[in-house]
Amino acid sequence: MVSIRVKVGPKGQIVIPKIFREAYGIEEGGEVVIVPLEDGLIIKRRKTPEEILKALSKYRERRRKAGIVGKLGELAKIDLEAEFDEGIS
């Protein structure tokens, strides 16, 4: 795993190095998501609406292939463990 040390500025700001910005598609003015963990933080590029719609489409297709139909409110009737076990690759 590659790591680069960066300094924290007086306002708590950090600069994401150019190599990481380019590799992960983080652009000036773009947004990132910060996920807190017990021992640190994860910084992720925020997905575009198009990426979210594509992921939802794939999820719906998996559900359709598995024979699972219905609305999100009907999740109580679905064995989520079985469904997600099939989706893990």
PDB file of N, CA and C in Angstrom:
ATOM      1  N   MET A   1       0.842  -1.177   0.000  1.00  0.00           N
ATOM      2  CA  MET A   1       0.000   0.000   0.000  1.00  0.00           C
ATOM      3  C   MET A   1       0.887   1.240   0.000  1.00  0.00           C
ATOM      4  N   VAL A   2       0.545   2.184  -0.839  1.00  0.00           N
ATOM      5  CA  VAL A   2       1.292   3.431  -0.938  1.00  0.00           C
ATOM      6  C   VAL A   2       0.714   4.419   0.064  1.00  0.00           C
ATOM      7  N   SER A   3       1.574   5.153   0.720  1.00  0.00           N
ATOM      8  CA  SER A   3       1.094   6.205   1.617  1.00  0.00           C
ATOM      9  C   SER A   3       1.997   7.419   1.475  1.00  0.00           C
ATOM     10  N   ILE A   4       1.399   8.578   1.633  1.00  0.00           N
ATOM     11  CA  ILE A   4       2.132   9.836   1.567  1.00  0.00           C
ATOM     12  C   ILE A   4       1.741  10.646   2.790  1.00  0.00           C
ATOM     13  N   ARG A   5       2.729  11.209   3.448  1.00  0.00           N
ATOM     14  CA  ARG A   5       2.472  12.014   4.632  1.00  0.00           C
ATOM     15  C   ARG A   5       2.164  13.446   4.191  1.00  0.00           C
ATOM     16  N   VAL A   6       1.102  14.029   4.755  1.00  0.00           N
ATOM     17  CA  VAL A   6       0.749  15.428   4.481  1.00  0.00           C
ATOM     18  C   VAL A   6       0.580  16.143   5.811  1.00  0.00           C
ATOM     19  N   LYS A   7       0.775  17.452   5.802  1.00  0.00           N
ATOM     20  CA  LYS A   7       0.625  18.245   7.023  1.00  0.00           C
ATOM     21  C   LYS A   7      -0.779  18.817   7.114  1.00  0.00           C
ATOM     22  N   VAL A   8      -1.218  18.974   8.335  1.00  0.00           N
ATOM     23  CA  VAL A   8      -2.516  19.581   8.604  1.00  0.00           C
ATOM     24  C   VAL A   8      -2.286  21.066   8.834  1.00  0.00           C
ATOM     25  N   GLY A   9      -3.049  21.896   8.098  1.00  0.00           N
ATOM     26  CA  GLY A   9      -2.904  23.344   8.224  1.00  0.00           C
ATOM     27  C   GLY A   9      -3.576  23.876   9.473  1.00  0.00           C
ATOM     28  N   PRO A  10      -3.452  25.189   9.726  1.00  0.00           N
ATOM     29  CA  PRO A  10      -3.989  25.782  10.941  1.00  0.00           C
ATOM     30  C   PRO A  10      -5.509  25.668  11.071  1.00  0.00           C
ATOM     31  N   LYS A  11      -6.211  25.525   9.967  1.00  0.00           N
ATOM     32  CA  LYS A  11      -7.672  25.383  10.017  1.00  0.00           C
ATOM     33  C   LYS A  11      -8.104  23.923   9.910  1.00  0.00           C
ATOM     34  N   GLY A  12      -7.151  23.007  10.085  1.00  0.00           N
ATOM     35  CA  GLY A  12      -7.463  21.590  10.010  1.00  0.00           C
ATOM     36  C   GLY A  12      -7.537  21.073   8.579  1.00  0.00           C
ATOM     37  N   GLN A  13      -7.083  21.863   7.620  1.00  0.00           N
ATOM     38  CA  GLN A  13      -7.155  21.474   6.216  1.00  0.00           C
ATOM     39  C   GLN A  13      -5.940  20.652   5.804  1.00  0.00           C
ATOM     40  N   ILE A  14      -6.173  19.755   4.873  1.00  0.00           N
ATOM     41  CA  ILE A  14      -5.078  19.006   4.261  1.00  0.00           C
ATOM     42  C   ILE A  14      -5.188  19.167   2.749  1.00  0.00           C
ATOM     43  N   VAL A  15      -4.089  18.954   2.059  1.00  0.00           N
ATOM     44  CA  VAL A  15      -4.083  18.959   0.602  1.00  0.00           C
ATOM     45  C   VAL A  15      -3.932  17.517   0.145  1.00  0.00           C
ATOM     46  N   ILE A  16      -4.875  17.064  -0.685  1.00  0.00           N
ATOM     47  CA  ILE A  16      -4.780  15.718  -1.241  1.00  0.00           C
ATOM     48  C   ILE A  16      -3.761  15.798  -2.379  1.00  0.00           C
ATOM     49  N   PRO A  17      -2.682  15.034  -2.296  1.00  0.00           N
ATOM     50  CA  PRO A  17      -1.650  15.115  -3.327  1.00  0.00           C
ATOM     51  C   PRO A  17      -2.204  14.863  -4.735  1.00  0.00           C
ATOM     52  N   LYS A  18      -1.594  15.537  -5.703  1.00  0.00           N
ATOM     53  CA  LYS A  18      -2.053  15.482  -7.086  1.00  0.00           C
ATOM     54  C   LYS A  18      -2.155  14.046  -7.606  1.00  0.00           C
ATOM     55  N   ILE A  19      -1.193  13.217  -7.267  1.00  0.00           N
ATOM     56  CA  ILE A  19      -1.201  11.840  -7.760  1.00  0.00           C
ATOM     57  C   ILE A  19      -2.473  11.106  -7.321  1.00  0.00           C
ATOM     58  N   PHE A  20      -2.946  11.366  -6.097  1.00  0.00           N
ATOM     59  CA  PHE A  20      -4.171  10.734  -5.610  1.00  0.00           C
ATOM     60  C   PHE A  20      -5.405  11.383  -6.233  1.00  0.00           C
ATOM     61  N   ARG A  21      -5.393  12.715  -6.357  1.00  0.00           N
ATOM     62  CA  ARG A  21      -6.537  13.395  -6.983  1.00  0.00           C
ATOM     63  C   ARG A  21      -6.763  12.877  -8.390  1.00  0.00           C
ATOM     64  N   GLU A  22      -5.672  12.743  -9.155  1.00  0.00           N
ATOM     65  CA  GLU A  22      -5.793  12.257 -10.527  1.00  0.00           C
ATOM     66  C   GLU A  22      -6.239  10.795 -10.566  1.00  0.00           C
ATOM     67  N   ALA A  23      -5.661   9.981  -9.710  1.00  0.00           N
ATOM     68  CA  ALA A  23      -5.976   8.549  -9.707  1.00  0.00           C
ATOM     69  C   ALA A  23      -7.432   8.276  -9.349  1.00  0.00           C
ATOM     70  N   TYR A  24      -8.007   9.122  -8.485  1.00  0.00           N
ATOM     71  CA  TYR A  24      -9.363   8.871  -8.002  1.00  0.00           C
ATOM     72  C   TYR A  24     -10.391   9.863  -8.545  1.00  0.00           C
ATOM     73  N   GLY A  25      -9.992  10.682  -9.493  1.00  0.00           N
ATOM     74  CA  GLY A  25     -10.948  11.578 -10.143  1.00  0.00           C
ATOM     75  C   GLY A  25     -11.491  12.672  -9.245  1.00  0.00           C
ATOM     76  N   ILE A  26     -10.668  13.154  -8.333  1.00  0.00           N
ATOM     77  CA  ILE A  26     -11.084  14.252  -7.448  1.00  0.00           C
ATOM     78  C   ILE A  26     -10.642  15.550  -8.102  1.00  0.00           C
ATOM     79  N   GLU A  27     -11.617  16.374  -8.461  1.00  0.00           N
ATOM     80  CA  GLU A  27     -11.317  17.616  -9.168  1.00  0.00           C
ATOM     81  C   GLU A  27     -11.555  18.830  -8.284  1.00  0.00           C
ATOM     82  N   GLU A  28     -10.923  19.941  -8.641  1.00  0.00           N
ATOM     83  CA  GLU A  28     -11.124  21.190  -7.914  1.00  0.00           C
ATOM     84  C   GLU A  28     -12.614  21.524  -7.906  1.00  0.00           C
ATOM     85  N   GLY A  29     -13.122  21.858  -6.740  1.00  0.00           N
ATOM     86  CA  GLY A  29     -14.537  22.178  -6.596  1.00  0.00           C
ATOM     87  C   GLY A  29     -15.408  20.952  -6.397  1.00  0.00           C
ATOM     88  N   GLY A  30     -14.818  19.765  -6.579  1.00  0.00           N
ATOM     89  CA  GLY A  30     -15.560  18.527  -6.369  1.00  0.00           C
ATOM     90  C   GLY A  30     -15.745  18.260  -4.888  1.00  0.00           C
ATOM     91  N   GLU A  31     -16.503  17.256  -4.592  1.00  0.00           N
ATOM     92  CA  GLU A  31     -16.762  16.909  -3.197  1.00  0.00           C
ATOM     93  C   GLU A  31     -16.200  15.535  -2.876  1.00  0.00           C
ATOM     94  N   VAL A  32     -15.815  15.366  -1.635  1.00  0.00           N
ATOM     95  CA  VAL A  32     -15.378  14.071  -1.133  1.00  0.00           C
ATOM     96  C   VAL A  32     -16.231  13.715   0.068  1.00  0.00           C
ATOM     97  N   VAL A  33     -16.220  12.442   0.402  1.00  0.00           N
ATOM     98  CA  VAL A  33     -16.940  11.945   1.570  1.00  0.00           C
ATOM     99  C   VAL A  33     -15.884  11.470   2.558  1.00  0.00           C
ATOM    100  N   ILE A  34     -16.017  11.863   3.807  1.00  0.00           N
ATOM    101  CA  ILE A  34     -15.089  11.436   4.849  1.00  0.00           C
ATOM    102  C   ILE A  34     -15.808  10.443   5.752  1.00  0.00           C
ATOM    103  N   VAL A  35     -15.244   9.237   5.844  1.00  0.00           N
ATOM    104  CA  VAL A  35     -15.840   8.171   6.640  1.00  0.00           C
ATOM    105  C   VAL A  35     -14.971   7.950   7.878  1.00  0.00           C
ATOM    106  N   PRO A  36     -15.526   8.208   9.073  1.00  0.00           N
ATOM    107  CA  PRO A  36     -14.734   8.009  10.291  1.00  0.00           C
ATOM    108  C   PRO A  36     -14.650   6.527  10.673  1.00  0.00           C
ATOM    109  N   LEU A  37     -13.472   6.109  11.078  1.00  0.00           N
ATOM    110  CA  LEU A  37     -13.240   4.763  11.594  1.00  0.00           C
ATOM    111  C   LEU A  37     -12.633   4.900  12.983  1.00  0.00           C
ATOM    112  N   GLU A  38     -12.484   3.782  13.672  1.00  0.00           N
ATOM    113  CA  GLU A  38     -11.889   3.840  15.008  1.00  0.00           C
ATOM    114  C   GLU A  38     -10.474   4.384  14.987  1.00  0.00           C
ATOM    115  N   ASP A  39      -9.695   3.985  13.980  1.00  0.00           N
ATOM    116  CA  ASP A  39      -8.282   4.344  13.966  1.00  0.00           C
ATOM    117  C   ASP A  39      -7.907   5.329  12.860  1.00  0.00           C
ATOM    118  N   GLY A  40      -8.872   6.011  12.259  1.00  0.00           N
ATOM    119  CA  GLY A  40      -8.538   6.977  11.222  1.00  0.00           C
ATOM    120  C   GLY A  40      -9.746   7.375  10.394  1.00  0.00           C
ATOM    121  N   LEU A  41      -9.474   7.898   9.219  1.00  0.00           N
ATOM    122  CA  LEU A  41     -10.514   8.371   8.323  1.00  0.00           C
ATOM    123  C   LEU A  41     -10.307   7.787   6.935  1.00  0.00           C
ATOM    124  N   ILE A  42     -11.390   7.618   6.218  1.00  0.00           N
ATOM    125  CA  ILE A  42     -11.319   7.260   4.807  1.00  0.00           C
ATOM    126  C   ILE A  42     -11.856   8.463   4.043  1.00  0.00           C
ATOM    127  N   ILE A  43     -11.120   8.900   3.020  1.00  0.00           N
ATOM    128  CA  ILE A  43     -11.565   9.990   2.160  1.00  0.00           C
ATOM    129  C   ILE A  43     -11.892   9.378   0.805  1.00  0.00           C
ATOM    130  N   LYS A  44     -13.141   9.543   0.358  1.00  0.00           N
ATOM    131  CA  LYS A  44     -13.577   8.966  -0.907  1.00  0.00           C
ATOM    132  C   LYS A  44     -14.171  10.048  -1.800  1.00  0.00           C
ATOM    133  N   ARG A  45     -13.973   9.872  -3.092  1.00  0.00           N
ATOM    134  CA  ARG A  45     -14.609  10.770  -4.050  1.00  0.00           C
ATOM    135  C   ARG A  45     -16.117  10.538  -3.982  1.00  0.00           C
ATOM    136  N   ARG A  46     -16.872  11.606  -3.999  1.00  0.00           N
ATOM    137  CA  ARG A  46     -18.327  11.478  -3.987  1.00  0.00           C
ATOM    138  C   ARG A  46     -18.781  11.025  -5.363  1.00  0.00           C
ATOM    139  N   LYS A  47     -19.640  10.038  -5.393  1.00  0.00           N
ATOM    140  CA  LYS A  47     -20.132   9.515  -6.660  1.00  0.00           C
ATOM    141  C   LYS A  47     -21.066  10.514  -7.326  1.00  0.00           C
ATOM    142  N   THR A  48     -21.015  10.525  -8.647  1.00  0.00           N
ATOM    143  CA  THR A  48     -21.905  11.391  -9.412  1.00  0.00           C
ATOM    144  C   THR A  48     -23.299  10.775  -9.429  1.00  0.00           C
ATOM    145  N   PRO A  49     -24.327  11.578  -9.702  1.00  0.00           N
ATOM    146  CA  PRO A  49     -25.677  11.008  -9.823  1.00  0.00           C
ATOM    147  C   PRO A  49     -25.737   9.884 -10.870  1.00  0.00           C
ATOM    148  N   GLU A  50     -24.974  10.020 -11.941  1.00  0.00           N
ATOM    149  CA  GLU A  50     -24.958   8.993 -12.982  1.00  0.00           C
ATOM    150  C   GLU A  50     -24.386   7.679 -12.450  1.00  0.00           C
ATOM    151  N   GLU A  51     -23.326   7.768 -11.650  1.00  0.00           N
ATOM    152  CA  GLU A  51     -22.725   6.565 -11.059  1.00  0.00           C
ATOM    153  C   GLU A  51     -23.690   5.895 -10.080  1.00  0.00           C
ATOM    154  N   ILE A  52     -24.410   6.698  -9.327  1.00  0.00           N
ATOM    155  CA  ILE A  52     -25.386   6.155  -8.374  1.00  0.00           C
ATOM    156  C   ILE A  52     -26.511   5.451  -9.121  1.00  0.00           C
ATOM    157  N   LEU A  53     -27.020   6.076 -10.192  1.00  0.00           N
ATOM    158  CA  LEU A  53     -28.082   5.459 -10.983  1.00  0.00           C
ATOM    159  C   LEU A  53     -27.618   4.156 -11.624  1.00  0.00           C
ATOM    160  N   LYS A  54     -26.369   4.117 -12.091  1.00  0.00           N
ATOM    161  CA  LYS A  54     -25.818   2.907 -12.689  1.00  0.00           C
ATOM    162  C   LYS A  54     -25.740   1.783 -11.649  1.00  0.00           C
ATOM    163  N   ALA A  55     -25.290   2.129 -10.443  1.00  0.00           N
ATOM    164  CA  ALA A  55     -25.204   1.130  -9.376  1.00  0.00           C
ATOM    165  C   ALA A  55     -26.591   0.618  -8.993  1.00  0.00           C
ATOM    166  N   LEU A  56     -27.578   1.511  -8.935  1.00  0.00           N
ATOM    167  CA  LEU A  56     -28.946   1.094  -8.625  1.00  0.00           C
ATOM    168  C   LEU A  56     -29.497   0.183  -9.713  1.00  0.00           C
ATOM    169  N   SER A  57     -29.172   0.499 -10.952  1.00  0.00           N
ATOM    170  CA  SER A  57     -29.627  -0.322 -12.070  1.00  0.00           C
ATOM    171  C   SER A  57     -29.050  -1.730 -11.967  1.00  0.00           C
ATOM    172  N   LYS A  58     -27.751  -1.830 -11.631  1.00  0.00           N
ATOM    173  CA  LYS A  58     -27.127  -3.144 -11.458  1.00  0.00           C
ATOM    174  C   LYS A  58     -27.777  -3.904 -10.309  1.00  0.00           C
ATOM    175  N   TYR A  59     -28.079  -3.194  -9.212  1.00  0.00           N
ATOM    176  CA  TYR A  59     -28.719  -3.815  -8.056  1.00  0.00           C
ATOM    177  C   TYR A  59     -30.099  -4.352  -8.443  1.00  0.00           C
ATOM    178  N   ARG A  60     -30.871  -3.548  -9.171  1.00  0.00           N
ATOM    179  CA  ARG A  60     -32.209  -3.977  -9.599  1.00  0.00           C
ATOM    180  C   ARG A  60     -32.115  -5.195 -10.512  1.00  0.00           C
ATOM    181  N   GLU A  61     -31.124  -5.210 -11.392  1.00  0.00           N
ATOM    182  CA  GLU A  61     -30.945  -6.342 -12.293  1.00  0.00           C
ATOM    183  C   GLU A  61     -30.623  -7.612 -11.520  1.00  0.00           C
ATOM    184  N   ARG A  62     -29.747  -7.506 -10.505  1.00  0.00           N
ATOM    185  CA  ARG A  62     -29.431  -8.671  -9.657  1.00  0.00           C
ATOM    186  C   ARG A  62     -30.685  -9.176  -8.954  1.00  0.00           C
ATOM    187  N   ARG A  63     -31.488  -8.240  -8.452  1.00  0.00           N
ATOM    188  CA  ARG A  63     -32.734  -8.626  -7.773  1.00  0.00           C
ATOM    189  C   ARG A  63     -33.677  -9.323  -8.748  1.00  0.00           C
ATOM    190  N   ARG A  64     -33.765  -8.787  -9.964  1.00  0.00           N
ATOM    191  CA  ARG A  64     -34.661  -9.376 -10.959  1.00  0.00           C
ATOM    192  C   ARG A  64     -34.206 -10.799 -11.298  1.00  0.00           C
ATOM    193  N   LYS A  65     -32.889 -10.987 -11.515  1.00  0.00           N
ATOM    194  CA  LYS A  65     -32.351 -12.306 -11.842  1.00  0.00           C
ATOM    195  C   LYS A  65     -32.563 -13.293 -10.699  1.00  0.00           C
ATOM    196  N   ALA A  66     -32.540 -12.801  -9.464  1.00  0.00           N
ATOM    197  CA  ALA A  66     -32.744 -13.665  -8.298  1.00  0.00           C
ATOM    198  C   ALA A  66     -34.221 -13.936  -8.039  1.00  0.00           C
ATOM    199  N   GLY A  67     -35.082 -13.306  -8.851  1.00  0.00           N
ATOM    200  CA  GLY A  67     -36.518 -13.513  -8.668  1.00  0.00           C
ATOM    201  C   GLY A  67     -37.099 -12.702  -7.540  1.00  0.00           C
ATOM    202  N   ILE A  68     -36.404 -11.679  -7.121  1.00  0.00           N
ATOM    203  CA  ILE A  68     -36.871 -10.837  -6.021  1.00  0.00           C
ATOM    204  C   ILE A  68     -37.483  -9.579  -6.616  1.00  0.00           C
ATOM    205  N   VAL A  69     -38.757  -9.408  -6.400  1.00  0.00           N
ATOM    206  CA  VAL A  69     -39.436  -8.210  -6.886  1.00  0.00           C
ATOM    207  C   VAL A  69     -40.135  -7.553  -5.710  1.00  0.00           C
ATOM    208  N   GLY A  70     -40.392  -6.284  -5.822  1.00  0.00           N
ATOM    209  CA  GLY A  70     -41.082  -5.586  -4.747  1.00  0.00           C
ATOM    210  C   GLY A  70     -40.448  -4.248  -4.470  1.00  0.00           C
ATOM    211  N   LYS A  71     -41.060  -3.551  -3.573  1.00  0.00           N
ATOM    212  CA  LYS A  71     -40.598  -2.218  -3.207  1.00  0.00           C
ATOM    213  C   LYS A  71     -39.706  -2.305  -1.979  1.00  0.00           C
ATOM    214  N   LEU A  72     -38.929  -1.246  -1.757  1.00  0.00           N
ATOM    215  CA  LEU A  72     -38.018  -1.248  -0.616  1.00  0.00           C
ATOM    216  C   LEU A  72     -38.733  -1.478   0.701  1.00  0.00           C
ATOM    217  N   GLY A  73     -39.970  -1.031   0.848  1.00  0.00           N
ATOM    218  CA  GLY A  73     -40.723  -1.228   2.078  1.00  0.00           C
ATOM    219  C   GLY A  73     -41.018  -2.678   2.378  1.00  0.00           C
ATOM    220  N   GLU A  74     -40.834  -3.533   1.377  1.00  0.00           N
ATOM    221  CA  GLU A  74     -41.108  -4.954   1.546  1.00  0.00           C
ATOM    222  C   GLU A  74     -39.849  -5.743   1.924  1.00  0.00           C
ATOM    223  N   LEU A  75     -38.775  -5.042   2.291  1.00  0.00           N
ATOM    224  CA  LEU A  75     -37.517  -5.716   2.628  1.00  0.00           C
ATOM    225  C   LEU A  75     -37.652  -6.673   3.807  1.00  0.00           C
ATOM    226  N   ALA A  76     -38.609  -6.436   4.679  1.00  0.00           N
ATOM    227  CA  ALA A  76     -38.770  -7.304   5.844  1.00  0.00           C
ATOM    228  C   ALA A  76     -39.079  -8.737   5.429  1.00  0.00           C
ATOM    229  N   LYS A  77     -39.622  -8.917   4.228  1.00  0.00           N
ATOM    230  CA  LYS A  77     -39.996 -10.247   3.755  1.00  0.00           C
ATOM    231  C   LYS A  77     -38.845 -10.952   3.038  1.00  0.00           C
ATOM    232  N   ILE A  78     -37.711 -10.264   2.853  1.00  0.00           N
ATOM    233  CA  ILE A  78     -36.615 -10.797   2.046  1.00  0.00           C
ATOM    234  C   ILE A  78     -35.470 -11.241   2.944  1.00  0.00           C
ATOM    235  N   ASP A  79     -34.872 -12.372   2.615  1.00  0.00           N
ATOM    236  CA  ASP A  79     -33.694 -12.853   3.333  1.00  0.00           C
ATOM    237  C   ASP A  79     -32.485 -12.107   2.778  1.00  0.00           C
ATOM    238  N   LEU A  80     -32.117 -10.988   3.413  1.00  0.00           N
ATOM    239  CA  LEU A  80     -31.048 -10.144   2.913  1.00  0.00           C
ATOM    240  C   LEU A  80     -29.697 -10.847   2.922  1.00  0.00           C
ATOM    241  N   GLU A  81     -29.461 -11.715   3.904  1.00  0.00           N
ATOM    242  CA  GLU A  81     -28.183 -12.429   3.939  1.00  0.00           C
ATOM    243  C   GLU A  81     -28.005 -13.264   2.679  1.00  0.00           C
ATOM    244  N   ALA A  82     -29.034 -13.992   2.287  1.00  0.00           N
ATOM    245  CA  ALA A  82     -28.951 -14.819   1.085  1.00  0.00           C
ATOM    246  C   ALA A  82     -28.745 -13.953  -0.149  1.00  0.00           C
ATOM    247  N   GLU A  83     -29.438 -12.820  -0.204  1.00  0.00           N
ATOM    248  CA  GLU A  83     -29.323 -11.953  -1.367  1.00  0.00           C
ATOM    249  C   GLU A  83     -27.923 -11.373  -1.484  1.00  0.00           C
ATOM    250  N   PHE A  84     -27.363 -10.899  -0.391  1.00  0.00           N
ATOM    251  CA  PHE A  84     -26.045 -10.277  -0.460  1.00  0.00           C
ATOM    252  C   PHE A  84     -24.929 -11.315  -0.615  1.00  0.00           C
ATOM    253  N   ASP A  85     -25.122 -12.525  -0.114  1.00  0.00           N
ATOM    254  CA  ASP A  85     -24.135 -13.574  -0.335  1.00  0.00           C
ATOM    255  C   ASP A  85     -23.970 -13.859  -1.822  1.00  0.00           C
ATOM    256  N   GLU A  86     -25.074 -13.815  -2.566  1.00  0.00           N
ATOM    257  CA  GLU A  86     -25.022 -14.054  -4.005  1.00  0.00           C
ATOM    258  C   GLU A  86     -24.299 -12.911  -4.720  1.00  0.00           C
ATOM    259  N   GLY A  87     -24.420 -11.685  -4.210  1.00  0.00           N
ATOM    260  CA  GLY A  87     -23.841 -10.524  -4.871  1.00  0.00           C
ATOM    261  C   GLY A  87     -22.350 -10.329  -4.596  1.00  0.00           C
ATOM    262  N   ILE A  88     -21.813 -11.039  -3.627  1.00  0.00           N
ATOM    263  CA  ILE A  88     -20.397 -10.878  -3.270  1.00  0.00           C
ATOM    264  C   ILE A  88     -19.548 -11.678  -4.242  1.00  0.00           C
ATOM    265  N   SER A  89     -18.565 -11.004  -4.844  1.00  0.00           N
ATOM    266  CA  SER A  89     -17.684 -11.707  -5.790  1.00  0.00           C
ATOM    267  C   SER A  89     -16.267 -11.669  -5.296  1.00  0.00           C
TER     268      SER A  89
END
